[in-house]
Amino acid sequence: MEIWLIIAIALVFIIWRMLPAKGTKTISTEALKGTLNDKDKVFVDVRTPGEYKARNIRQFKNIPLGSDFSKLPKDKEIVVICQSGMRSGQACKQLKKLGYDNVTNVRGGMSAWRG
């Protein structure tokens, strides 16, 4: 009986970590293509430098998860991508905690990117 309780708690925790931060928008990779030249957006790739070097979208700046995001401008939309959408979701939560109001997570990340 105790093992099922532990499993249930673990599942709730995992699902909770996967939920987007309140107020975070999402964008598909297809819709992202039409926004890449928008000067009112800052594009951030939170993957490791090695992942970024292997394959990236030119407009995205590599700022790995765990870095200091506080230097990003608060007056522009911050669009965040990673490999699958998990790390970028965590980055969006961090940005929201830092007071960024206009944050967008790229759904599916680089795994979904066809460009």
N, C-alpha and C. Protein backbone atom coordinates (compact mmCIF):
# COMPACT_ATOMS: atom_id res chain seq x y z
N MET A 1 0.83 -1.20 0.00
CA MET A 1 0.00 0.00 0.00
C MET A 1 0.87 1.26 0.00
N GLU A 2 1.92 1.26 0.82
CA GLU A 2 2.79 2.44 0.88
C GLU A 2 3.48 2.72 -0.45
N ILE A 3 3.83 1.66 -1.17
CA ILE A 3 4.52 1.85 -2.44
C ILE A 3 3.63 2.59 -3.43
N TRP A 4 2.31 2.31 -3.43
CA TRP A 4 1.39 3.00 -4.33
C TRP A 4 1.26 4.47 -3.97
N LEU A 5 1.31 4.77 -2.70
CA LEU A 5 1.25 6.16 -2.27
C LEU A 5 2.50 6.91 -2.73
N ILE A 6 3.64 6.28 -2.61
CA ILE A 6 4.90 6.89 -3.05
C ILE A 6 4.88 7.10 -4.56
N ILE A 7 4.40 6.11 -5.29
CA ILE A 7 4.31 6.23 -6.75
C ILE A 7 3.35 7.36 -7.13
N ALA A 8 2.21 7.43 -6.46
CA ALA A 8 1.23 8.49 -6.75
C ALA A 8 1.81 9.87 -6.49
N ILE A 9 2.51 10.02 -5.37
CA ILE A 9 3.13 11.31 -5.05
C ILE A 9 4.19 11.67 -6.09
N ALA A 10 4.98 10.69 -6.49
CA ALA A 10 6.01 10.92 -7.51
C ALA A 10 5.39 11.35 -8.83
N LEU A 11 4.31 10.70 -9.23
CA LEU A 11 3.63 11.06 -10.48
C LEU A 11 3.06 12.48 -10.43
N VAL A 12 2.45 12.83 -9.31
CA VAL A 12 1.91 14.18 -9.16
C VAL A 12 3.03 15.20 -9.27
N PHE A 13 4.16 14.93 -8.63
CA PHE A 13 5.31 15.83 -8.68
C PHE A 13 5.82 15.98 -10.12
N ILE A 14 5.95 14.87 -10.83
CA ILE A 14 6.45 14.91 -12.21
C ILE A 14 5.50 15.70 -13.10
N ILE A 15 4.21 15.43 -12.97
CA ILE A 15 3.22 16.15 -13.78
C ILE A 15 3.23 17.64 -13.44
N TRP A 16 3.33 17.97 -12.17
CA TRP A 16 3.36 19.37 -11.74
C TRP A 16 4.56 20.09 -12.36
N ARG A 17 5.72 19.42 -12.42
CA ARG A 17 6.92 20.03 -12.99
C ARG A 17 6.77 20.27 -14.49
N MET A 18 5.92 19.49 -15.14
CA MET A 18 5.73 19.61 -16.57
C MET A 18 4.75 20.71 -16.95
N LEU A 19 3.91 21.15 -16.02
CA LEU A 19 2.92 22.17 -16.32
C LEU A 19 3.59 23.51 -16.60
N PRO A 20 3.08 24.26 -17.58
CA PRO A 20 3.67 25.56 -17.86
C PRO A 20 3.42 26.54 -16.72
N ALA A 21 4.30 27.52 -16.61
CA ALA A 21 4.12 28.57 -15.60
C ALA A 21 2.85 29.34 -15.93
N LYS A 22 2.15 29.76 -14.90
CA LYS A 22 0.92 30.53 -15.10
C LYS A 22 1.25 31.80 -15.89
N GLY A 23 0.49 32.02 -16.95
CA GLY A 23 0.70 33.21 -17.76
C GLY A 23 1.70 33.03 -18.88
N THR A 24 2.28 31.84 -19.00
CA THR A 24 3.22 31.57 -20.09
C THR A 24 2.45 31.15 -21.33
N LYS A 25 2.80 31.76 -22.44
CA LYS A 25 2.17 31.39 -23.71
C LYS A 25 2.97 30.26 -24.35
N THR A 26 2.37 29.58 -25.30
CA THR A 26 3.10 28.59 -26.10
C THR A 26 2.94 28.94 -27.57
N ILE A 27 3.90 28.51 -28.35
CA ILE A 27 3.86 28.72 -29.80
C ILE A 27 4.36 27.44 -30.46
N SER A 28 3.76 27.07 -31.57
CA SER A 28 4.23 25.91 -32.32
C SER A 28 5.46 26.30 -33.11
N THR A 29 6.23 25.32 -33.53
CA THR A 29 7.42 25.61 -34.33
C THR A 29 7.01 26.18 -35.69
N GLU A 30 5.87 25.76 -36.18
CA GLU A 30 5.39 26.28 -37.47
C GLU A 30 5.06 27.77 -37.34
N ALA A 31 4.35 28.16 -36.28
CA ALA A 31 4.02 29.57 -36.06
C ALA A 31 5.27 30.38 -35.74
N LEU A 32 6.24 29.75 -35.09
CA LEU A 32 7.49 30.44 -34.75
C LEU A 32 8.20 30.97 -35.98
N LYS A 33 8.15 30.23 -37.06
CA LYS A 33 8.84 30.63 -38.30
C LYS A 33 8.46 32.03 -38.75
N GLY A 34 7.20 32.41 -38.55
CA GLY A 34 6.73 33.73 -38.97
C GLY A 34 7.12 34.86 -38.03
N THR A 35 7.76 34.54 -36.91
CA THR A 35 8.09 35.57 -35.92
C THR A 35 9.60 35.82 -35.78
N LEU A 36 10.41 35.05 -36.48
CA LEU A 36 11.86 35.07 -36.25
C LEU A 36 12.53 36.41 -36.56
N ASN A 37 11.91 37.26 -37.34
CA ASN A 37 12.49 38.57 -37.65
C ASN A 37 11.85 39.69 -36.84
N ASP A 38 11.04 39.34 -35.85
CA ASP A 38 10.35 40.32 -35.01
C ASP A 38 11.34 40.94 -34.03
N LYS A 39 11.56 42.23 -34.14
CA LYS A 39 12.52 42.95 -33.28
C LYS A 39 12.00 43.16 -31.86
N ASP A 40 10.71 42.88 -31.63
CA ASP A 40 10.14 43.03 -30.29
C ASP A 40 10.21 41.74 -29.50
N LYS A 41 10.95 40.76 -30.03
CA LYS A 41 11.10 39.48 -29.36
C LYS A 41 12.59 39.20 -29.13
N VAL A 42 12.88 38.51 -28.02
CA VAL A 42 14.23 38.02 -27.75
C VAL A 42 14.13 36.51 -27.75
N PHE A 43 14.94 35.85 -28.55
CA PHE A 43 14.89 34.41 -28.72
C PHE A 43 16.02 33.77 -27.92
N VAL A 44 15.66 32.85 -27.01
CA VAL A 44 16.61 32.24 -26.09
C VAL A 44 16.55 30.71 -26.21
N ASP A 45 17.70 30.10 -26.44
CA ASP A 45 17.84 28.64 -26.50
C ASP A 45 18.52 28.20 -25.21
N VAL A 46 17.83 27.41 -24.37
CA VAL A 46 18.36 27.06 -23.06
C VAL A 46 19.08 25.71 -23.03
N ARG A 47 19.35 25.14 -24.20
CA ARG A 47 20.08 23.87 -24.25
C ARG A 47 21.56 24.10 -23.90
N THR A 48 22.28 23.01 -23.75
CA THR A 48 23.71 23.10 -23.46
C THR A 48 24.44 23.68 -24.67
N PRO A 49 25.63 24.25 -24.47
CA PRO A 49 26.38 24.77 -25.61
C PRO A 49 26.64 23.71 -26.69
N GLY A 50 26.88 22.48 -26.27
CA GLY A 50 27.11 21.40 -27.25
C GLY A 50 25.89 21.12 -28.10
N GLU A 51 24.71 21.08 -27.46
CA GLU A 51 23.47 20.86 -28.20
C GLU A 51 23.21 22.02 -29.17
N TYR A 52 23.46 23.22 -28.68
CA TYR A 52 23.24 24.43 -29.50
C TYR A 52 24.17 24.43 -30.70
N LYS A 53 25.44 24.09 -30.48
CA LYS A 53 26.42 24.09 -31.56
C LYS A 53 26.07 23.05 -32.64
N ALA A 54 25.54 21.92 -32.21
CA ALA A 54 25.21 20.85 -33.15
C ALA A 54 24.07 21.24 -34.09
N ARG A 55 23.10 21.99 -33.57
CA ARG A 55 21.93 22.38 -34.38
C ARG A 55 21.22 23.52 -33.68
N ASN A 56 21.03 24.63 -34.38
CA ASN A 56 20.34 25.76 -33.77
C ASN A 56 19.59 26.58 -34.80
N ILE A 57 18.77 27.46 -34.29
CA ILE A 57 18.06 28.44 -35.11
C ILE A 57 18.83 29.74 -34.95
N ARG A 58 19.29 30.29 -36.04
CA ARG A 58 20.20 31.44 -36.05
C ARG A 58 19.77 32.59 -35.14
N GLN A 59 18.50 32.88 -35.05
CA GLN A 59 18.01 34.03 -34.28
C GLN A 59 18.04 33.78 -32.77
N PHE A 60 18.23 32.55 -32.34
CA PHE A 60 18.23 32.23 -30.92
C PHE A 60 19.63 32.36 -30.33
N LYS A 61 19.69 33.01 -29.17
CA LYS A 61 20.94 33.15 -28.42
C LYS A 61 21.00 32.02 -27.39
N ASN A 62 22.14 31.37 -27.28
CA ASN A 62 22.29 30.27 -26.33
C ASN A 62 22.57 30.80 -24.93
N ILE A 63 21.59 30.60 -24.05
CA ILE A 63 21.73 30.93 -22.63
C ILE A 63 21.25 29.69 -21.87
N PRO A 64 22.17 28.78 -21.52
CA PRO A 64 21.77 27.50 -20.92
C PRO A 64 20.93 27.66 -19.66
N LEU A 65 20.04 26.69 -19.46
CA LEU A 65 19.21 26.66 -18.26
C LEU A 65 20.11 26.73 -17.04
N GLY A 66 19.75 27.54 -16.08
CA GLY A 66 20.56 27.73 -14.88
C GLY A 66 21.42 28.99 -14.95
N SER A 67 21.46 29.61 -16.12
CA SER A 67 22.21 30.86 -16.28
C SER A 67 21.41 32.02 -15.70
N ASP A 68 22.04 33.18 -15.65
CA ASP A 68 21.40 34.39 -15.15
C ASP A 68 20.54 35.02 -16.26
N PHE A 69 19.24 34.89 -16.12
CA PHE A 69 18.31 35.44 -17.10
C PHE A 69 17.97 36.90 -16.83
N SER A 70 18.41 37.44 -15.71
CA SER A 70 17.97 38.77 -15.29
C SER A 70 18.47 39.90 -16.19
N LYS A 71 19.42 39.62 -17.06
CA LYS A 71 19.93 40.66 -17.96
C LYS A 71 19.09 40.79 -19.24
N LEU A 72 18.14 39.89 -19.41
CA LEU A 72 17.26 39.97 -20.58
C LEU A 72 16.31 41.17 -20.41
N PRO A 73 15.95 41.83 -21.51
CA PRO A 73 15.05 42.99 -21.41
C PRO A 73 13.65 42.57 -20.99
N LYS A 74 13.05 43.34 -20.10
CA LYS A 74 11.70 43.04 -19.63
C LYS A 74 10.63 43.67 -20.51
N ASP A 75 11.05 44.53 -21.44
CA ASP A 75 10.07 45.21 -22.29
C ASP A 75 9.84 44.49 -23.62
N LYS A 76 10.43 43.30 -23.79
CA LYS A 76 10.25 42.52 -25.01
C LYS A 76 9.74 41.13 -24.65
N GLU A 77 9.10 40.49 -25.61
CA GLU A 77 8.66 39.11 -25.41
C GLU A 77 9.88 38.19 -25.44
N ILE A 78 9.98 37.30 -24.49
CA ILE A 78 11.07 36.33 -24.43
C ILE A 78 10.52 35.00 -24.94
N VAL A 79 11.08 34.51 -26.03
CA VAL A 79 10.66 33.24 -26.63
C VAL A 79 11.75 32.22 -26.32
N VAL A 80 11.36 31.12 -25.67
CA VAL A 80 12.33 30.16 -25.14
C VAL A 80 12.16 28.80 -25.82
N ILE A 81 13.30 28.20 -26.20
CA ILE A 81 13.29 26.88 -26.83
C ILE A 81 14.35 26.00 -26.16
N CYS A 82 14.12 24.68 -26.20
CA CYS A 82 15.13 23.70 -25.78
C CYS A 82 15.01 22.52 -26.76
N GLN A 83 15.36 21.33 -26.33
CA GLN A 83 15.26 20.18 -27.23
C GLN A 83 13.83 19.67 -27.37
N SER A 84 13.10 19.62 -26.23
CA SER A 84 11.76 19.01 -26.27
C SER A 84 10.65 19.90 -25.71
N GLY A 85 11.01 20.95 -25.01
CA GLY A 85 10.02 21.81 -24.36
C GLY A 85 10.05 21.72 -22.85
N MET A 86 10.78 20.76 -22.31
CA MET A 86 10.84 20.58 -20.85
C MET A 86 11.72 21.66 -20.19
N ARG A 87 12.96 21.77 -20.63
CA ARG A 87 13.87 22.77 -20.04
C ARG A 87 13.38 24.18 -20.32
N SER A 88 12.84 24.40 -21.50
CA SER A 88 12.34 25.74 -21.81
C SER A 88 11.14 26.07 -20.91
N GLY A 89 10.35 25.06 -20.57
CA GLY A 89 9.25 25.27 -19.63
C GLY A 89 9.78 25.67 -18.26
N GLN A 90 10.85 25.03 -17.82
CA GLN A 90 11.47 25.40 -16.54
C GLN A 90 12.03 26.82 -16.61
N ALA A 91 12.64 27.16 -17.74
CA ALA A 91 13.19 28.51 -17.92
C ALA A 91 12.06 29.55 -17.89
N CYS A 92 10.93 29.22 -18.49
CA CYS A 92 9.78 30.14 -18.47
C CYS A 92 9.32 30.38 -17.03
N LYS A 93 9.30 29.34 -16.23
CA LYS A 93 8.93 29.49 -14.81
C LYS A 93 9.92 30.41 -14.11
N GLN A 94 11.21 30.23 -14.38
CA GLN A 94 12.23 31.09 -13.76
C GLN A 94 12.04 32.54 -14.20
N LEU A 95 11.79 32.75 -15.48
CA LEU A 95 11.58 34.10 -15.98
C LEU A 95 10.36 34.76 -15.34
N LYS A 96 9.28 34.01 -15.19
CA LYS A 96 8.08 34.55 -14.55
C LYS A 96 8.39 34.95 -13.10
N LYS A 97 9.17 34.13 -12.40
CA LYS A 97 9.54 34.46 -11.01
C LYS A 97 10.40 35.71 -10.95
N LEU A 98 11.17 35.97 -12.02
CA LEU A 98 12.01 37.16 -12.08
C LEU A 98 11.24 38.41 -12.50
N GLY A 99 9.95 38.25 -12.78
CA GLY A 99 9.12 39.40 -13.12
C GLY A 99 8.90 39.64 -14.60
N TYR A 100 9.26 38.68 -15.43
CA TYR A 100 9.01 38.82 -16.86
C TYR A 100 7.56 38.45 -17.13
N ASP A 101 6.84 39.35 -17.78
CA ASP A 101 5.41 39.14 -18.01
C ASP A 101 5.10 38.52 -19.37
N ASN A 102 5.98 38.73 -20.34
CA ASN A 102 5.71 38.31 -21.71
C ASN A 102 6.67 37.19 -22.10
N VAL A 103 6.31 35.95 -21.73
CA VAL A 103 7.17 34.79 -21.92
C VAL A 103 6.43 33.74 -22.75
N THR A 104 7.13 33.18 -23.74
CA THR A 104 6.53 32.17 -24.62
C THR A 104 7.44 30.96 -24.73
N ASN A 105 6.86 29.78 -24.57
CA ASN A 105 7.59 28.51 -24.68
C ASN A 105 7.31 27.91 -26.05
N VAL A 106 8.37 27.46 -26.74
CA VAL A 106 8.20 26.82 -28.05
C VAL A 106 7.82 25.35 -27.82
N ARG A 107 6.60 25.00 -28.18
CA ARG A 107 6.07 23.66 -27.98
C ARG A 107 6.83 22.64 -28.84
N GLY A 108 7.35 21.61 -28.21
CA GLY A 108 8.05 20.55 -28.93
C GLY A 108 9.52 20.81 -29.13
N GLY A 109 9.94 22.05 -28.95
CA GLY A 109 11.36 22.41 -29.03
C GLY A 109 12.01 22.06 -30.36
N MET A 110 13.32 21.89 -30.31
CA MET A 110 14.09 21.59 -31.52
C MET A 110 13.71 20.24 -32.12
N SER A 111 13.17 19.35 -31.31
CA SER A 111 12.71 18.06 -31.83
C SER A 111 11.59 18.23 -32.85
N ALA A 112 10.80 19.29 -32.68
CA ALA A 112 9.68 19.55 -33.58
C ALA A 112 10.05 20.52 -34.71
N TRP A 113 11.22 21.13 -34.63
CA TRP A 113 11.62 22.17 -35.61
C TRP A 113 11.97 21.54 -36.96
N ARG A 114 11.37 22.06 -38.00
CA ARG A 114 11.69 21.67 -39.37
C ARG A 114 11.95 22.96 -40.14
N GLY A 115 13.20 23.37 -40.16
CA GLY A 115 13.46 24.66 -40.80
C GLY A 115 14.71 24.72 -41.59
